[in-house]
Amino acid sequence: MNKNITTAESHRARMAKAEKRRAKLLPLMESLQRAGKVAEDLLHSDDPDVRLRAVHAVNQCVNTFVKIYEVGELEYRIDELTAAMAEPTRKRLIVNIGKHDAT
């Protein structure tokens, strides 16, 4: 990392990058919601084959939605931990707490 860049600037850059990732996922999540709603409506079909396929489609939409959400949450946590570790005072505090817990 460039030594001329401050910790605050580095943190802002990481947060901006994370926000761009989330913004890219938002249209995908909206599409999944719409697809899930269509599949949910098909659950009331008279045709048992259509209902079975609709159950599968709803399941796939929900699973994909959950995975996207979890990845976003994990990326956010990693960004926060990275930022915390970049701050020298927080880093010392974490190390000191760890030493205290070990005794």
PDB file of N, CA and C in Angstrom:
ATOM      1  N   MET A   1       0.841  -1.179   0.000  1.00  0.00           N
ATOM      2  CA  MET A   1       0.000   0.000   0.000  1.00  0.00           C
ATOM      3  C   MET A   1       0.885   1.240   0.000  1.00  0.00           C
ATOM      4  N   ASN A   2       0.470   2.276  -0.695  1.00  0.00           N
ATOM      5  CA  ASN A   2       1.197   3.526  -0.768  1.00  0.00           C
ATOM      6  C   ASN A   2       1.224   4.182   0.606  1.00  0.00           C
ATOM      7  N   LYS A   3       2.431   4.533   1.105  1.00  0.00           N
ATOM      8  CA  LYS A   3       2.558   5.099   2.447  1.00  0.00           C
ATOM      9  C   LYS A   3       1.990   6.505   2.538  1.00  0.00           C
ATOM     10  N   ASN A   4       1.772   7.156   1.388  1.00  0.00           N
ATOM     11  CA  ASN A   4       1.205   8.499   1.387  1.00  0.00           C
ATOM     12  C   ASN A   4      -0.308   8.488   1.598  1.00  0.00           C
ATOM     13  N   ILE A   5      -0.915   7.339   1.482  1.00  0.00           N
ATOM     14  CA  ILE A   5      -2.358   7.227   1.685  1.00  0.00           C
ATOM     15  C   ILE A   5      -2.602   6.979   3.172  1.00  0.00           C
ATOM     16  N   THR A   6      -3.473   7.784   3.757  1.00  0.00           N
ATOM     17  CA  THR A   6      -3.763   7.632   5.180  1.00  0.00           C
ATOM     18  C   THR A   6      -4.704   6.451   5.404  1.00  0.00           C
ATOM     19  N   THR A   7      -4.802   6.054   6.652  1.00  0.00           N
ATOM     20  CA  THR A   7      -5.688   4.959   7.016  1.00  0.00           C
ATOM     21  C   THR A   7      -7.132   5.317   6.691  1.00  0.00           C
ATOM     22  N   ALA A   8      -7.526   6.559   6.958  1.00  0.00           N
ATOM     23  CA  ALA A   8      -8.897   6.993   6.687  1.00  0.00           C
ATOM     24  C   ALA A   8      -9.193   6.939   5.187  1.00  0.00           C
ATOM     25  N   GLU A   9      -8.237   7.364   4.374  1.00  0.00           N
ATOM     26  CA  GLU A   9      -8.432   7.321   2.920  1.00  0.00           C
ATOM     27  C   GLU A   9      -8.557   5.875   2.447  1.00  0.00           C
ATOM     28  N   SER A  10      -7.731   5.017   2.999  1.00  0.00           N
ATOM     29  CA  SER A  10      -7.774   3.605   2.642  1.00  0.00           C
ATOM     30  C   SER A  10      -9.120   2.997   3.031  1.00  0.00           C
ATOM     31  N   HIS A  11      -9.599   3.354   4.218  1.00  0.00           N
ATOM     32  CA  HIS A  11     -10.891   2.850   4.691  1.00  0.00           C
ATOM     33  C   HIS A  11     -12.015   3.333   3.775  1.00  0.00           C
ATOM     34  N   ARG A  12     -12.001   4.604   3.419  1.00  0.00           N
ATOM     35  CA  ARG A  12     -13.032   5.148   2.526  1.00  0.00           C
ATOM     36  C   ARG A  12     -13.002   4.450   1.172  1.00  0.00           C
ATOM     37  N   ALA A  13     -11.813   4.167   0.668  1.00  0.00           N
ATOM     38  CA  ALA A  13     -11.689   3.479  -0.621  1.00  0.00           C
ATOM     39  C   ALA A  13     -12.268   2.067  -0.542  1.00  0.00           C
ATOM     40  N   ARG A  14     -11.986   1.352   0.553  1.00  0.00           N
ATOM     41  CA  ARG A  14     -12.527   0.000   0.720  1.00  0.00           C
ATOM     42  C   ARG A  14     -14.048   0.027   0.840  1.00  0.00           C
ATOM     43  N   MET A  15     -14.563   1.000   1.578  1.00  0.00           N
ATOM     44  CA  MET A  15     -16.014   1.100   1.743  1.00  0.00           C
ATOM     45  C   MET A  15     -16.690   1.454   0.417  1.00  0.00           C
ATOM     46  N   ALA A  16     -16.066   2.301  -0.381  1.00  0.00           N
ATOM     47  CA  ALA A  16     -16.619   2.649  -1.692  1.00  0.00           C
ATOM     48  C   ALA A  16     -16.645   1.426  -2.604  1.00  0.00           C
ATOM     49  N   LYS A  17     -15.589   0.630  -2.551  1.00  0.00           N
ATOM     50  CA  LYS A  17     -15.525  -0.589  -3.359  1.00  0.00           C
ATOM     51  C   LYS A  17     -16.612  -1.573  -2.918  1.00  0.00           C
ATOM     52  N   ALA A  18     -16.809  -1.700  -1.616  1.00  0.00           N
ATOM     53  CA  ALA A  18     -17.842  -2.601  -1.097  1.00  0.00           C
ATOM     54  C   ALA A  18     -19.227  -2.123  -1.520  1.00  0.00           C
ATOM     55  N   GLU A  19     -19.437  -0.825  -1.508  1.00  0.00           N
ATOM     56  CA  GLU A  19     -20.732  -0.277  -1.910  1.00  0.00           C
ATOM     57  C   GLU A  19     -20.996  -0.541  -3.392  1.00  0.00           C
ATOM     58  N   LYS A  20     -19.962  -0.466  -4.215  1.00  0.00           N
ATOM     59  CA  LYS A  20     -20.119  -0.771  -5.640  1.00  0.00           C
ATOM     60  C   LYS A  20     -20.507  -2.237  -5.835  1.00  0.00           C
ATOM     61  N   ARG A  21     -19.897  -3.130  -5.054  1.00  0.00           N
ATOM     62  CA  ARG A  21     -20.251  -4.555  -5.145  1.00  0.00           C
ATOM     63  C   ARG A  21     -21.717  -4.762  -4.778  1.00  0.00           C
ATOM     64  N   ARG A  22     -22.153  -4.105  -3.702  1.00  0.00           N
ATOM     65  CA  ARG A  22     -23.544  -4.241  -3.282  1.00  0.00           C
ATOM     66  C   ARG A  22     -24.486  -3.662  -4.336  1.00  0.00           C
ATOM     67  N   ALA A  23     -24.113  -2.550  -4.946  1.00  0.00           N
ATOM     68  CA  ALA A  23     -24.960  -1.929  -5.967  1.00  0.00           C
ATOM     69  C   ALA A  23     -25.113  -2.844  -7.182  1.00  0.00           C
ATOM     70  N   LYS A  24     -24.080  -3.603  -7.495  1.00  0.00           N
ATOM     71  CA  LYS A  24     -24.160  -4.538  -8.620  1.00  0.00           C
ATOM     72  C   LYS A  24     -25.087  -5.704  -8.300  1.00  0.00           C
ATOM     73  N   LEU A  25     -25.174  -6.089  -7.043  1.00  0.00           N
ATOM     74  CA  LEU A  25     -26.009  -7.223  -6.658  1.00  0.00           C
ATOM     75  C   LEU A  25     -27.487  -6.853  -6.522  1.00  0.00           C
ATOM     76  N   LEU A  26     -27.778  -5.583  -6.290  1.00  0.00           N
ATOM     77  CA  LEU A  26     -29.158  -5.169  -6.061  1.00  0.00           C
ATOM     78  C   LEU A  26     -30.081  -5.524  -7.226  1.00  0.00           C
ATOM     79  N   PRO A  27     -29.729  -5.232  -8.492  1.00  0.00           N
ATOM     80  CA  PRO A  27     -30.622  -5.627  -9.594  1.00  0.00           C
ATOM     81  C   PRO A  27     -30.834  -7.146  -9.668  1.00  0.00           C
ATOM     82  N   LEU A  28     -29.807  -7.901  -9.364  1.00  0.00           N
ATOM     83  CA  LEU A  28     -29.935  -9.356  -9.373  1.00  0.00           C
ATOM     84  C   LEU A  28     -30.914  -9.818  -8.301  1.00  0.00           C
ATOM     85  N   MET A  29     -30.815  -9.234  -7.126  1.00  0.00           N
ATOM     86  CA  MET A  29     -31.721  -9.622  -6.040  1.00  0.00           C
ATOM     87  C   MET A  29     -33.163  -9.216  -6.370  1.00  0.00           C
ATOM     88  N   GLU A  30     -33.335  -8.076  -7.017  1.00  0.00           N
ATOM     89  CA  GLU A  30     -34.683  -7.657  -7.415  1.00  0.00           C
ATOM     90  C   GLU A  30     -35.256  -8.605  -8.460  1.00  0.00           C
ATOM     91  N   SER A  31     -34.429  -9.032  -9.398  1.00  0.00           N
ATOM     92  CA  SER A  31     -34.878  -9.998 -10.413  1.00  0.00           C
ATOM     93  C   SER A  31     -35.276 -11.321  -9.768  1.00  0.00           C
ATOM     94  N   LEU A  32     -34.492 -11.760  -8.804  1.00  0.00           N
ATOM     95  CA  LEU A  32     -34.819 -13.004  -8.100  1.00  0.00           C
ATOM     96  C   LEU A  32     -36.142 -12.880  -7.353  1.00  0.00           C
ATOM     97  N   GLN A  33     -36.391 -11.728  -6.772  1.00  0.00           N
ATOM     98  CA  GLN A  33     -37.659 -11.519  -6.066  1.00  0.00           C
ATOM     99  C   GLN A  33     -38.834 -11.594  -7.040  1.00  0.00           C
ATOM    100  N   ARG A  34     -38.677 -10.960  -8.196  1.00  0.00           N
ATOM    101  CA  ARG A  34     -39.752 -11.004  -9.195  1.00  0.00           C
ATOM    102  C   ARG A  34     -39.971 -12.434  -9.692  1.00  0.00           C
ATOM    103  N   ALA A  35     -38.892 -13.140  -9.976  1.00  0.00           N
ATOM    104  CA  ALA A  35     -39.000 -14.529 -10.441  1.00  0.00           C
ATOM    105  C   ALA A  35     -39.638 -15.403  -9.371  1.00  0.00           C
ATOM    106  N   GLY A  36     -39.260 -15.185  -8.144  1.00  0.00           N
ATOM    107  CA  GLY A  36     -39.849 -15.952  -7.045  1.00  0.00           C
ATOM    108  C   GLY A  36     -41.337 -15.692  -6.912  1.00  0.00           C
ATOM    109  N   LYS A  37     -41.746 -14.442  -7.124  1.00  0.00           N
ATOM    110  CA  LYS A  37     -43.173 -14.107  -7.045  1.00  0.00           C
ATOM    111  C   LYS A  37     -43.957 -14.795  -8.168  1.00  0.00           C
ATOM    112  N   VAL A  38     -43.404 -14.805  -9.383  1.00  0.00           N
ATOM    113  CA  VAL A  38     -44.058 -15.495 -10.506  1.00  0.00           C
ATOM    114  C   VAL A  38     -44.181 -16.986 -10.191  1.00  0.00           C
ATOM    115  N   ALA A  39     -43.096 -17.576  -9.705  1.00  0.00           N
ATOM    116  CA  ALA A  39     -43.119 -19.007  -9.368  1.00  0.00           C
ATOM    117  C   ALA A  39     -44.116 -19.275  -8.242  1.00  0.00           C
ATOM    118  N   GLU A  40     -44.181 -18.365  -7.282  1.00  0.00           N
ATOM    119  CA  GLU A  40     -45.126 -18.526  -6.171  1.00  0.00           C
ATOM    120  C   GLU A  40     -46.573 -18.500  -6.678  1.00  0.00           C
ATOM    121  N   ASP A  41     -46.840 -17.627  -7.628  1.00  0.00           N
ATOM    122  CA  ASP A  41     -48.190 -17.574  -8.203  1.00  0.00           C
ATOM    123  C   ASP A  41     -48.541 -18.875  -8.924  1.00  0.00           C
ATOM    124  N   LEU A  42     -47.540 -19.517  -9.524  1.00  0.00           N
ATOM    125  CA  LEU A  42     -47.776 -20.777 -10.236  1.00  0.00           C
ATOM    126  C   LEU A  42     -48.053 -21.946  -9.289  1.00  0.00           C
ATOM    127  N   LEU A  43     -47.793 -21.765  -8.013  1.00  0.00           N
ATOM    128  CA  LEU A  43     -48.089 -22.830  -7.043  1.00  0.00           C
ATOM    129  C   LEU A  43     -49.588 -23.128  -6.972  1.00  0.00           C
ATOM    130  N   HIS A  44     -50.410 -22.193  -7.450  1.00  0.00           N
ATOM    131  CA  HIS A  44     -51.864 -22.355  -7.395  1.00  0.00           C
ATOM    132  C   HIS A  44     -52.430 -22.902  -8.707  1.00  0.00           C
ATOM    133  N   SER A  45     -51.556 -23.367  -9.578  1.00  0.00           N
ATOM    134  CA  SER A  45     -51.990 -23.904 -10.872  1.00  0.00           C
ATOM    135  C   SER A  45     -52.786 -25.199 -10.681  1.00  0.00           C
ATOM    136  N   ASP A  46     -53.669 -25.464 -11.637  1.00  0.00           N
ATOM    137  CA  ASP A  46     -54.434 -26.718 -11.611  1.00  0.00           C
ATOM    138  C   ASP A  46     -53.590 -27.906 -12.066  1.00  0.00           C
ATOM    139  N   ASP A  47     -52.564 -27.629 -12.824  1.00  0.00           N
ATOM    140  CA  ASP A  47     -51.699 -28.686 -13.368  1.00  0.00           C
ATOM    141  C   ASP A  47     -50.661 -29.090 -12.317  1.00  0.00           C
ATOM    142  N   PRO A  48     -50.659 -30.351 -11.868  1.00  0.00           N
ATOM    143  CA  PRO A  48     -49.702 -30.788 -10.840  1.00  0.00           C
ATOM    144  C   PRO A  48     -48.246 -30.685 -11.299  1.00  0.00           C
ATOM    145  N   ASP A  49     -48.008 -30.865 -12.600  1.00  0.00           N
ATOM    146  CA  ASP A  49     -46.640 -30.738 -13.114  1.00  0.00           C
ATOM    147  C   ASP A  49     -46.148 -29.297 -12.987  1.00  0.00           C
ATOM    148  N   VAL A  50     -47.023 -28.345 -13.279  1.00  0.00           N
ATOM    149  CA  VAL A  50     -46.664 -26.930 -13.146  1.00  0.00           C
ATOM    150  C   VAL A  50     -46.403 -26.596 -11.675  1.00  0.00           C
ATOM    151  N   ARG A  51     -47.231 -27.117 -10.781  1.00  0.00           N
ATOM    152  CA  ARG A  51     -47.041 -26.856  -9.342  1.00  0.00           C
ATOM    153  C   ARG A  51     -45.701 -27.412  -8.863  1.00  0.00           C
ATOM    154  N   LEU A  52     -45.360 -28.626  -9.314  1.00  0.00           N
ATOM    155  CA  LEU A  52     -44.098 -29.238  -8.919  1.00  0.00           C
ATOM    156  C   LEU A  52     -42.909 -28.395  -9.403  1.00  0.00           C
ATOM    157  N   ARG A  53     -42.987 -27.943 -10.646  1.00  0.00           N
ATOM    158  CA  ARG A  53     -41.917 -27.101 -11.192  1.00  0.00           C
ATOM    159  C   ARG A  53     -41.855 -25.762 -10.458  1.00  0.00           C
ATOM    160  N   ALA A  54     -43.017 -25.253 -10.072  1.00  0.00           N
ATOM    161  CA  ALA A  54     -43.059 -23.990  -9.337  1.00  0.00           C
ATOM    162  C   ALA A  54     -42.404 -24.132  -7.963  1.00  0.00           C
ATOM    163  N   VAL A  55     -42.633 -25.256  -7.301  1.00  0.00           N
ATOM    164  CA  VAL A  55     -41.989 -25.517  -6.011  1.00  0.00           C
ATOM    165  C   VAL A  55     -40.476 -25.509  -6.180  1.00  0.00           C
ATOM    166  N   HIS A  56     -40.005 -26.174  -7.198  1.00  0.00           N
ATOM    167  CA  HIS A  56     -38.567 -26.204  -7.462  1.00  0.00           C
ATOM    168  C   HIS A  56     -38.031 -24.800  -7.755  1.00  0.00           C
ATOM    169  N   ALA A  57     -38.758 -24.034  -8.548  1.00  0.00           N
ATOM    170  CA  ALA A  57     -38.321 -22.673  -8.900  1.00  0.00           C
ATOM    171  C   ALA A  57     -38.277 -21.764  -7.670  1.00  0.00           C
ATOM    172  N   VAL A  58     -39.293 -21.858  -6.828  1.00  0.00           N
ATOM    173  CA  VAL A  58     -39.307 -21.049  -5.598  1.00  0.00           C
ATOM    174  C   VAL A  58     -38.114 -21.428  -4.728  1.00  0.00           C
ATOM    175  N   ASN A  59     -37.864 -22.712  -4.598  1.00  0.00           N
ATOM    176  CA  ASN A  59     -36.733 -23.192  -3.802  1.00  0.00           C
ATOM    177  C   ASN A  59     -35.414 -22.640  -4.336  1.00  0.00           C
ATOM    178  N   GLN A  60     -35.227 -22.699  -5.640  1.00  0.00           N
ATOM    179  CA  GLN A  60     -33.994 -22.189  -6.250  1.00  0.00           C
ATOM    180  C   GLN A  60     -33.842 -20.686  -6.027  1.00  0.00           C
ATOM    181  N   CYS A  61     -34.925 -19.944  -6.195  1.00  0.00           N
ATOM    182  CA  CYS A  61     -34.869 -18.491  -5.995  1.00  0.00           C
ATOM    183  C   CYS A  61     -34.498 -18.144  -4.551  1.00  0.00           C
ATOM    184  N   VAL A  62     -35.127 -18.828  -3.615  1.00  0.00           N
ATOM    185  CA  VAL A  62     -34.846 -18.555  -2.206  1.00  0.00           C
ATOM    186  C   VAL A  62     -33.399 -18.900  -1.863  1.00  0.00           C
ATOM    187  N   ASN A  63     -32.940 -20.059  -2.306  1.00  0.00           N
ATOM    188  CA  ASN A  63     -31.558 -20.460  -2.013  1.00  0.00           C
ATOM    189  C   ASN A  63     -30.551 -19.479  -2.609  1.00  0.00           C
ATOM    190  N   THR A  64     -30.788 -19.059  -3.831  1.00  0.00           N
ATOM    191  CA  THR A  64     -29.875 -18.116  -4.476  1.00  0.00           C
ATOM    192  C   THR A  64     -29.898 -16.776  -3.773  1.00  0.00           C
ATOM    193  N   PHE A  65     -31.084 -16.310  -3.412  1.00  0.00           N
ATOM    194  CA  PHE A  65     -31.223 -15.037  -2.703  1.00  0.00           C
ATOM    195  C   PHE A  65     -30.455 -15.071  -1.383  1.00  0.00           C
ATOM    196  N   VAL A  66     -30.614 -16.148  -0.642  1.00  0.00           N
ATOM    197  CA  VAL A  66     -29.931 -16.284   0.648  1.00  0.00           C
ATOM    198  C   VAL A  66     -28.416 -16.291   0.463  1.00  0.00           C
ATOM    199  N   LYS A  67     -27.925 -17.001  -0.534  1.00  0.00           N
ATOM    200  CA  LYS A  67     -26.477 -17.054  -0.776  1.00  0.00           C
ATOM    201  C   LYS A  67     -25.927 -15.678  -1.125  1.00  0.00           C
ATOM    202  N   ILE A  68     -26.634 -14.941  -1.978  1.00  0.00           N
ATOM    203  CA  ILE A  68     -26.183 -13.589  -2.340  1.00  0.00           C
ATOM    204  C   ILE A  68     -26.152 -12.700  -1.107  1.00  0.00           C
ATOM    205  N   TYR A  69     -27.186 -12.790  -0.289  1.00  0.00           N
ATOM    206  CA  TYR A  69     -27.244 -11.985   0.931  1.00  0.00           C
ATOM    207  C   TYR A  69     -26.095 -12.343   1.880  1.00  0.00           C
ATOM    208  N   GLU A  70     -25.855 -13.632   2.071  1.00  0.00           N
ATOM    209  CA  GLU A  70     -24.790 -14.067   2.976  1.00  0.00           C
ATOM    210  C   GLU A  70     -23.415 -13.618   2.482  1.00  0.00           C
ATOM    211  N   VAL A  71     -23.185 -13.715   1.184  1.00  0.00           N
ATOM    212  CA  VAL A  71     -21.900 -13.268   0.631  1.00  0.00           C
ATOM    213  C   VAL A  71     -21.722 -11.774   0.875  1.00  0.00           C
ATOM    214  N   GLY A  72     -22.772 -11.012   0.662  1.00  0.00           N
ATOM    215  CA  GLY A  72     -22.699  -9.571   0.917  1.00  0.00           C
ATOM    216  C   GLY A  72     -22.383  -9.262   2.367  1.00  0.00           C
ATOM    217  N   GLU A  73     -23.023  -9.985   3.276  1.00  0.00           N
ATOM    218  CA  GLU A  73     -22.755  -9.786   4.705  1.00  0.00           C
ATOM    219  C   GLU A  73     -21.315 -10.152   5.060  1.00  0.00           C
ATOM    220  N   LEU A  74     -20.834 -11.257   4.526  1.00  0.00           N
ATOM    221  CA  LEU A  74     -19.460 -11.672   4.805  1.00  0.00           C
ATOM    222  C   LEU A  74     -18.454 -10.662   4.245  1.00  0.00           C
ATOM    223  N   GLU A  75     -18.706 -10.157   3.044  1.00  0.00           N
ATOM    224  CA  GLU A  75     -17.809  -9.157   2.462  1.00  0.00           C
ATOM    225  C   GLU A  75     -17.788  -7.898   3.325  1.00  0.00           C
ATOM    226  N   TYR A  76     -18.957  -7.501   3.824  1.00  0.00           N
ATOM    227  CA  TYR A  76     -19.030  -6.323   4.687  1.00  0.00           C
ATOM    228  C   TYR A  76     -18.230  -6.553   5.974  1.00  0.00           C
ATOM    229  N   ARG A  77     -18.378  -7.713   6.577  1.00  0.00           N
ATOM    230  CA  ARG A  77     -17.636  -8.015   7.810  1.00  0.00           C
ATOM    231  C   ARG A  77     -16.133  -8.040   7.565  1.00  0.00           C
ATOM    232  N   ILE A  78     -15.722  -8.611   6.454  1.00  0.00           N
ATOM    233  CA  ILE A  78     -14.292  -8.644   6.123  1.00  0.00           C
ATOM    234  C   ILE A  78     -13.765  -7.227   5.947  1.00  0.00           C
ATOM    235  N   ASP A  79     -14.521  -6.372   5.257  1.00  0.00           N
ATOM    236  CA  ASP A  79     -14.107  -4.981   5.073  1.00  0.00           C
ATOM    237  C   ASP A  79     -13.976  -4.265   6.417  1.00  0.00           C
ATOM    238  N   GLU A  80     -14.933  -4.497   7.316  1.00  0.00           N
ATOM    239  CA  GLU A  80     -14.882  -3.866   8.635  1.00  0.00           C
ATOM    240  C   GLU A  80     -13.680  -4.366   9.445  1.00  0.00           C
ATOM    241  N   LEU A  81     -13.432  -5.669   9.419  1.00  0.00           N
ATOM    242  CA  LEU A  81     -12.287  -6.217  10.146  1.00  0.00           C
ATOM    243  C   LEU A  81     -10.966  -5.726   9.562  1.00  0.00           C
ATOM    244  N   THR A  82     -10.901  -5.642   8.244  1.00  0.00           N
ATOM    245  CA  THR A  82      -9.696  -5.135   7.592  1.00  0.00           C
ATOM    246  C   THR A  82      -9.441  -3.698   8.002  1.00  0.00           C
ATOM    247  N   ALA A  83     -10.502  -2.902   8.032  1.00  0.00           N
ATOM    248  CA  ALA A  83     -10.363  -1.503   8.444  1.00  0.00           C
ATOM    249  C   ALA A  83      -9.936  -1.410   9.909  1.00  0.00           C
ATOM    250  N   ALA A  84     -10.504  -2.253  10.750  1.00  0.00           N
ATOM    251  CA  ALA A  84     -10.148  -2.232  12.171  1.00  0.00           C
ATOM    252  C   ALA A  84      -8.689  -2.627  12.385  1.00  0.00           C
ATOM    253  N   MET A  85      -8.237  -3.606  11.639  1.00  0.00           N
ATOM    254  CA  MET A  85      -6.855  -4.051  11.787  1.00  0.00           C
ATOM    255  C   MET A  85      -5.864  -3.025  11.234  1.00  0.00           C
ATOM    256  N   ALA A  86      -6.332  -2.169  10.324  1.00  0.00           N
ATOM    257  CA  ALA A  86      -5.459  -1.159   9.749  1.00  0.00           C
ATOM    258  C   ALA A  86      -5.218  -0.005  10.718  1.00  0.00           C
ATOM    259  N   GLU A  87      -6.082   0.150  11.686  1.00  0.00           N
ATOM    260  CA  GLU A  87      -5.920   1.217  12.668  1.00  0.00           C
ATOM    261  C   GLU A  87      -5.009   0.723  13.786  1.00  0.00           C
ATOM    262  N   PRO A  88      -3.869   1.380  13.980  1.00  0.00           N
ATOM    263  CA  PRO A  88      -2.889   0.900  14.971  1.00  0.00           C
ATOM    264  C   PRO A  88      -3.452   0.800  16.391  1.00  0.00           C
ATOM    265  N   THR A  89      -4.256   1.763  16.835  1.00  0.00           N
ATOM    266  CA  THR A  89      -4.759   1.694  18.208  1.00  0.00           C
ATOM    267  C   THR A  89      -5.717   0.537  18.390  1.00  0.00           C
ATOM    268  N   ARG A  90      -6.561   0.295  17.419  1.00  0.00           N
ATOM    269  CA  ARG A  90      -7.472  -0.842  17.509  1.00  0.00           C
ATOM    270  C   ARG A  90      -6.705  -2.147  17.460  1.00  0.00           C
ATOM    271  N   LYS A  91      -5.678  -2.181  16.643  1.00  0.00           N
ATOM    272  CA  LYS A  91      -4.881  -3.394  16.511  1.00  0.00           C
ATOM    273  C   LYS A  91      -4.250  -3.747  17.864  1.00  0.00           C
ATOM    274  N   ARG A  92      -3.696  -2.757  18.529  1.00  0.00           N
ATOM    275  CA  ARG A  92      -3.103  -3.011  19.846  1.00  0.00           C
ATOM    276  C   ARG A  92      -4.161  -3.458  20.835  1.00  0.00           C
ATOM    277  N   LEU A  93      -5.338  -2.853  20.768  1.00  0.00           N
ATOM    278  CA  LEU A  93      -6.410  -3.209  21.681  1.00  0.00           C
ATOM    279  C   LEU A  93      -6.824  -4.674  21.478  1.00  0.00           C
ATOM    280  N   ILE A  94      -6.957  -5.091  20.228  1.00  0.00           N
ATOM    281  CA  ILE A  94      -7.340  -6.471  19.937  1.00  0.00           C
ATOM    282  C   ILE A  94      -6.278  -7.439  20.448  1.00  0.00           C
ATOM    283  N   VAL A  95      -5.013  -7.116  20.233  1.00  0.00           N
ATOM    284  CA  VAL A  95      -3.925  -7.973  20.704  1.00  0.00           C
ATOM    285  C   VAL A  95      -3.937  -8.033  22.225  1.00  0.00           C
ATOM    286  N   ASN A  96      -4.120  -6.898  22.889  1.00  0.00           N
ATOM    287  CA  ASN A  96      -4.136  -6.880  24.351  1.00  0.00           C
ATOM    288  C   ASN A  96      -5.320  -7.656  24.917  1.00  0.00           C
ATOM    289  N   ILE A  97      -6.462  -7.542  24.276  1.00  0.00           N
ATOM    290  CA  ILE A  97      -7.619  -8.307  24.736  1.00  0.00           C
ATOM    291  C   ILE A  97      -7.349  -9.795  24.583  1.00  0.00           C
ATOM    292  N   GLY A  98      -6.734 -10.173  23.470  1.00  0.00           N
ATOM    293  CA  GLY A  98      -6.411 -11.573  23.245  1.00  0.00           C
ATOM    294  C   GLY A  98      -5.464 -12.108  24.310  1.00  0.00           C
ATOM    295  N   LYS A  99      -4.465 -11.302  24.705  1.00  0.00           N
ATOM    296  CA  LYS A  99      -3.533 -11.728  25.741  1.00  0.00           C
ATOM    297  C   LYS A  99      -4.241 -11.863  27.070  1.00  0.00           C
ATOM    298  N   HIS A 100      -5.162 -10.963  27.350  1.00  0.00           N
ATOM    299  CA  HIS A 100      -5.889 -10.997  28.600  1.00  0.00           C
ATOM    300  C   HIS A 100      -6.755 -12.254  28.695  1.00  0.00           C
ATOM    301  N   ASP A 101      -7.390 -12.625  27.588  1.00  0.00           N
ATOM    302  CA  ASP A 101      -8.253 -13.815  27.572  1.00  0.00           C
ATOM    303  C   ASP A 101      -7.454 -15.091  27.765  1.00  0.00           C
ATOM    304  N   ALA A 102      -6.186 -15.088  27.334  1.00  0.00           N
ATOM    305  CA  ALA A 102      -5.381 -16.300  27.400  1.00  0.00           C
ATOM    306  C   ALA A 102      -4.894 -16.596  28.812  1.00  0.00           C
ATOM    307  N   THR A 103      -4.884 -15.589  29.688  1.00  0.00           N
ATOM    308  CA  THR A 103      -4.379 -15.811  31.038  1.00  0.00           C
ATOM    309  C   THR A 103      -5.429 -16.301  31.983  1.00  0.00           C
TER     310      THR A 103
END
